[in-house]
Each structure stands twice: as structure tokens, then as C-alpha cells.
Amino acid sequence: MKQKNTFHPALRIVHWLMAAAIMAMLFMGVAMVSTVSSWHSLLVAIHKPLGLMILLLVIVRLWLRFTTAKPALPPTLPGWQKGLAHLSHWALYAMMLAQPLIGWAMQSAAGYPITLGDRVLPAIFPVSNDAYALLRPLHSWVALALFMTVMLHLAAALFHGLILRDGVFSSMAGLSKRKGGAPGSLDNPHGGQ
């Protein structure tokens, strides 16, 4: 595959759709478990199909990740930072894939069907109070780990875009020329080369 300065447009679109959906899901999840008001059933009704959408998007994203060219990290980046970047990306992929499946399994174990409109999706786990008792806190812990990893990912992206200005942020925004970033981009807000 040819080396590029930006990620494939489809991968960038899926990245930003997932970023918005995951942040919405994380905050919605906190709101769901924190309220007994009439909002609870609306939040649950949104949470389940949004989780399925994230599951489908992560599958598409993984396929795009393996089938499209991606920009290399800057050669000036120390090896340990490159290693952490790769580790954090694979941790994000694992959690983005696992979290909706854990939620679906948790609902299945509790005997609650997942519906999309009039369609009832098949259970992916047998009804079991013991399994539910394990899956429920696991769903919360993975959500917390996902939130922390997303925040670290965001901090690293902003560090690259605002401090290092090395084109890493712009490569996902679709603006990078890699040498100092594109004029006016977050990686090079003053427009120089």
C-alpha cells in the first residue's frame, strides 16, 4: 500500500461518527444509571440501537483499517510514543468491539430483547441471573476504561495538533501535508510550512 499523509476519507468519516456516538453513549449511560425519571426509558430506547450502530461501525472501521493505506507516524516521534500510540489504538478497537457485545449479552442474560423497530434481534447469551450479575458491572468497567482511553487519545491528538504540530492530528482531520501540517490546520494554525 502507498504511504499517504491522511487517512482514507471513509475511515475519517467513520472515525468522527464513532467519536460522536461513543461520547454520546458514555454520557447517556451515566444518565441512564443515575435517573429513575421518565427520561430513563427514552435513554434506554436510544442507547440500545446506538450501541448496535457502534458495533457495526467498528466492524466497518476495522475492515477499512486493514484495507486502506494509512499515514506513518512522524519519524521524530520517539519509539516509546509510537508503541503507546499503537497500543492505545488497539485497546480502543478492542473496547469499541467488546462494549456493545457485553451490553447485548447483558440484556440477553437478563431476558430483555434487543429490538430495532419491529425486529427482535436474537439473544447472544442464555438467560442467567449469575451471568447478568457478572456482565452488568463488566459493562460499567469497560465503559469507564473506554472513557479514560478516549480522553487520553483526545489529549494526545491535541498535543500533536497544538504543541508538536507534526501533522498527526491533521491526518485524521484530512488536512495534513505532514511537514508542519496544512496552512491554517490545527497542526499549523499560523499557516507556515
Protein backbone atom coordinates (compact mmCIF):
# COMPACT_ATOMS: atom_id res chain seq x y z
CA MET A 1 0.00 0.00 0.00
CA LYS A 2 1.19 3.50 -0.87
CA GLN A 3 2.05 5.74 2.11
CA LYS A 4 -0.30 8.70 2.49
CA ASN A 5 -0.41 11.88 4.58
CA THR A 6 -4.06 11.46 5.52
CA PHE A 7 -6.30 8.56 6.36
CA HIS A 8 -8.78 7.36 3.73
CA PRO A 9 -11.87 9.64 3.63
CA ALA A 10 -14.19 6.74 4.57
CA LEU A 11 -12.02 5.92 7.60
CA ARG A 12 -12.05 9.57 8.67
CA ILE A 13 -15.85 9.73 8.36
CA VAL A 14 -16.30 6.54 10.37
CA HIS A 15 -13.79 7.80 12.98
CA TRP A 16 -15.69 11.05 13.57
CA LEU A 17 -19.12 9.36 13.52
CA MET A 18 -17.87 6.87 16.10
CA ALA A 19 -16.29 9.62 18.21
CA ALA A 20 -19.63 11.44 18.44
CA ALA A 21 -21.61 8.23 19.01
CA ILE A 22 -19.26 6.90 21.69
CA MET A 23 -19.19 10.17 23.62
CA ALA A 24 -22.99 10.33 23.44
CA MET A 25 -23.23 6.71 24.60
CA LEU A 26 -20.87 7.19 27.53
CA PHE A 27 -22.74 10.23 28.83
CA MET A 28 -26.09 8.61 28.09
CA GLY A 29 -25.02 5.51 30.02
CA VAL A 30 -24.17 7.61 33.07
CA ALA A 31 -27.52 9.40 32.80
CA MET A 32 -29.38 6.07 32.45
CA VAL A 33 -27.99 4.59 35.64
CA SER A 34 -28.35 7.89 37.50
CA THR A 35 -32.04 8.55 36.93
CA VAL A 36 -35.37 6.94 37.68
CA SER A 37 -37.30 9.71 35.92
CA SER A 38 -39.38 9.35 32.78
CA TRP A 39 -36.19 10.05 30.80
CA HIS A 40 -34.84 6.60 31.71
CA SER A 41 -36.93 4.65 29.18
CA LEU A 42 -36.14 7.16 26.42
CA LEU A 43 -32.41 6.90 27.16
CA VAL A 44 -32.59 3.08 27.10
CA ALA A 45 -34.54 3.21 23.82
CA ILE A 46 -31.74 5.31 22.28
CA HIS A 47 -28.84 3.50 23.99
CA LYS A 48 -29.51 0.02 22.58
CA PRO A 49 -29.75 0.86 18.84
CA LEU A 50 -26.87 3.33 19.17
CA GLY A 51 -24.78 0.52 20.68
CA LEU A 52 -25.62 -1.68 17.70
CA MET A 53 -24.68 1.14 15.33
CA ILE A 54 -21.31 1.47 17.08
CA LEU A 55 -20.80 -2.30 16.78
CA LEU A 56 -21.46 -2.15 13.02
CA LEU A 57 -19.26 0.94 12.61
CA VAL A 58 -16.32 -0.64 14.44
CA ILE A 59 -16.53 -3.67 12.14
CA VAL A 60 -16.52 -1.34 9.11
CA ARG A 61 -13.70 0.65 10.68
CA LEU A 62 -11.54 -2.41 11.26
CA TRP A 63 -12.13 -3.52 7.66
CA LEU A 64 -11.11 -0.05 6.41
CA ARG A 65 -8.09 -0.06 8.72
CA PHE A 66 -6.78 -3.24 7.12
CA THR A 67 -7.70 -2.40 3.51
CA THR A 68 -6.64 1.24 3.13
CA ALA A 69 -3.28 2.99 3.31
CA LYS A 70 -2.58 4.93 6.47
CA PRO A 71 -0.05 7.67 7.21
CA ALA A 72 3.05 6.74 9.16
CA LEU A 73 3.72 8.41 12.47
CA PRO A 74 6.34 11.16 12.22
CA PRO A 75 9.93 9.86 12.26
CA THR A 76 10.72 12.39 15.01
CA LEU A 77 8.34 10.62 17.39
CA PRO A 78 10.24 8.51 19.96
CA GLY A 79 9.78 4.75 19.72
CA TRP A 80 8.06 4.50 23.10
CA GLN A 81 5.43 7.06 21.98
CA LYS A 82 4.85 5.13 18.75
CA GLY A 83 4.44 1.97 20.82
CA LEU A 84 1.93 3.67 23.15
CA ALA A 85 0.03 5.05 20.15
CA HIS A 86 -0.32 1.57 18.64
CA LEU A 87 -1.23 0.01 22.00
CA SER A 88 -3.87 2.65 22.72
CA HIS A 89 -5.39 2.29 19.24
CA TRP A 90 -5.73 -1.48 19.61
CA ALA A 91 -7.12 -1.03 23.14
CA LEU A 92 -9.72 1.34 21.71
CA TYR A 93 -10.64 -1.12 18.96
CA ALA A 94 -10.95 -3.96 21.49
CA MET A 95 -13.18 -1.93 23.81
CA MET A 96 -15.28 -0.49 20.96
CA LEU A 97 -15.93 -4.05 19.80
CA ALA A 98 -16.38 -5.61 23.25
CA GLN A 99 -18.59 -2.97 24.87
CA PRO A 100 -21.65 -3.33 22.60
CA LEU A 101 -21.30 -7.13 22.70
CA ILE A 102 -21.12 -7.08 26.51
CA GLY A 103 -24.21 -4.84 26.60
CA TRP A 104 -26.08 -7.17 24.24
CA ALA A 105 -25.01 -10.24 26.22
CA MET A 106 -26.04 -8.50 29.46
CA GLN A 107 -29.51 -7.76 28.06
CA SER A 108 -29.78 -11.34 26.79
CA ALA A 109 -28.77 -12.74 30.19
CA ALA A 110 -31.44 -10.57 31.83
CA GLY A 111 -34.06 -11.80 29.36
CA TYR A 112 -34.53 -8.39 27.76
CA PRO A 113 -34.67 -8.47 23.96
CA ILE A 114 -32.82 -6.00 21.78
CA THR A 115 -35.21 -4.55 19.22
CA LEU A 116 -34.72 -2.45 16.13
CA GLY A 117 -38.10 -1.08 15.22
CA ASP A 118 -40.36 -4.13 14.96
CA ARG A 119 -37.46 -6.60 14.67
CA VAL A 120 -36.33 -8.52 17.72
CA LEU A 121 -32.66 -9.46 17.49
CA PRO A 122 -31.61 -12.90 18.71
CA ALA A 123 -30.22 -13.31 22.20
CA ILE A 124 -26.46 -13.86 22.19
CA PHE A 125 -26.34 -15.27 25.72
CA PRO A 126 -28.69 -17.58 27.65
CA VAL A 127 -30.89 -16.10 30.36
CA SER A 128 -28.90 -16.31 33.58
CA ASN A 129 -29.01 -14.22 36.73
CA ASP A 130 -25.42 -15.22 37.51
CA ALA A 131 -24.20 -14.14 34.06
CA TYR A 132 -26.12 -10.87 34.35
CA ALA A 133 -24.53 -10.26 37.76
CA LEU A 134 -21.09 -10.51 36.08
CA LEU A 135 -21.90 -8.72 32.82
CA ARG A 136 -23.61 -5.69 34.40
CA PRO A 137 -20.54 -4.42 36.31
CA LEU A 138 -18.26 -5.50 33.43
CA HIS A 139 -20.25 -3.22 31.11
CA SER A 140 -19.70 -0.34 33.55
CA TRP A 141 -15.99 -1.04 33.99
CA VAL A 142 -15.35 -1.31 30.26
CA ALA A 143 -17.28 1.96 29.78
CA LEU A 144 -15.02 3.64 32.35
CA ALA A 145 -11.87 2.22 30.73
CA LEU A 146 -13.14 3.30 27.31
CA PHE A 147 -13.85 6.81 28.57
CA MET A 148 -10.37 7.13 30.08
CA THR A 149 -8.71 5.80 26.92
CA VAL A 150 -10.76 8.16 24.73
CA MET A 151 -9.70 11.09 26.93
CA LEU A 152 -6.03 10.06 26.62
CA HIS A 153 -6.49 9.71 22.85
CA LEU A 154 -8.03 13.20 22.69
CA ALA A 155 -5.23 14.67 24.83
CA ALA A 156 -2.60 13.08 22.57
CA ALA A 157 -4.37 14.36 19.43
CA LEU A 158 -4.49 17.89 20.84
CA PHE A 159 -0.83 17.66 21.91
CA HIS A 160 0.13 16.71 18.35
CA GLY A 161 -2.12 19.39 16.84
CA LEU A 162 -1.39 22.31 19.16
CA ILE A 163 2.09 21.67 20.56
CA LEU A 164 4.05 19.43 18.18
CA ARG A 165 2.21 20.50 15.01
CA ASP A 166 3.58 17.39 13.34
CA GLY A 167 0.61 16.52 11.12
CA VAL A 168 -0.74 13.66 13.26
CA PHE A 169 -3.99 15.46 14.13
CA SER A 170 -4.50 16.72 10.59
CA SER A 171 -4.02 13.25 9.13
CA MET A 172 -7.36 12.23 10.70
CA ALA A 173 -8.92 15.63 10.02
CA GLY A 174 -7.89 15.25 6.37
CA LEU A 175 -5.83 18.43 6.21
CA SER A 176 -2.22 17.35 6.62
CA LYS A 177 0.72 17.93 4.35
CA ARG A 178 2.77 16.29 7.14
CA LYS A 179 5.57 18.91 7.08
CA GLY A 180 4.19 21.21 9.73
CA GLY A 181 0.60 20.46 8.81
CA ALA A 182 -1.59 22.26 6.31
CA PRO A 183 -1.77 26.06 6.47
CA GLY A 184 -4.47 27.02 8.93
CA SER A 185 -4.84 23.50 10.31
CA LEU A 186 -4.71 22.62 13.98
CA ASP A 187 -1.22 21.27 13.30
CA ASN A 188 -0.13 24.59 11.76
CA PRO A 189 -2.58 27.36 12.73
CA HIS A 190 -0.22 30.16 11.59
CA GLY A 191 -0.01 28.90 8.01
CA GLY A 192 3.76 28.41 7.73
CA GLN A 193 5.47 25.41 6.16
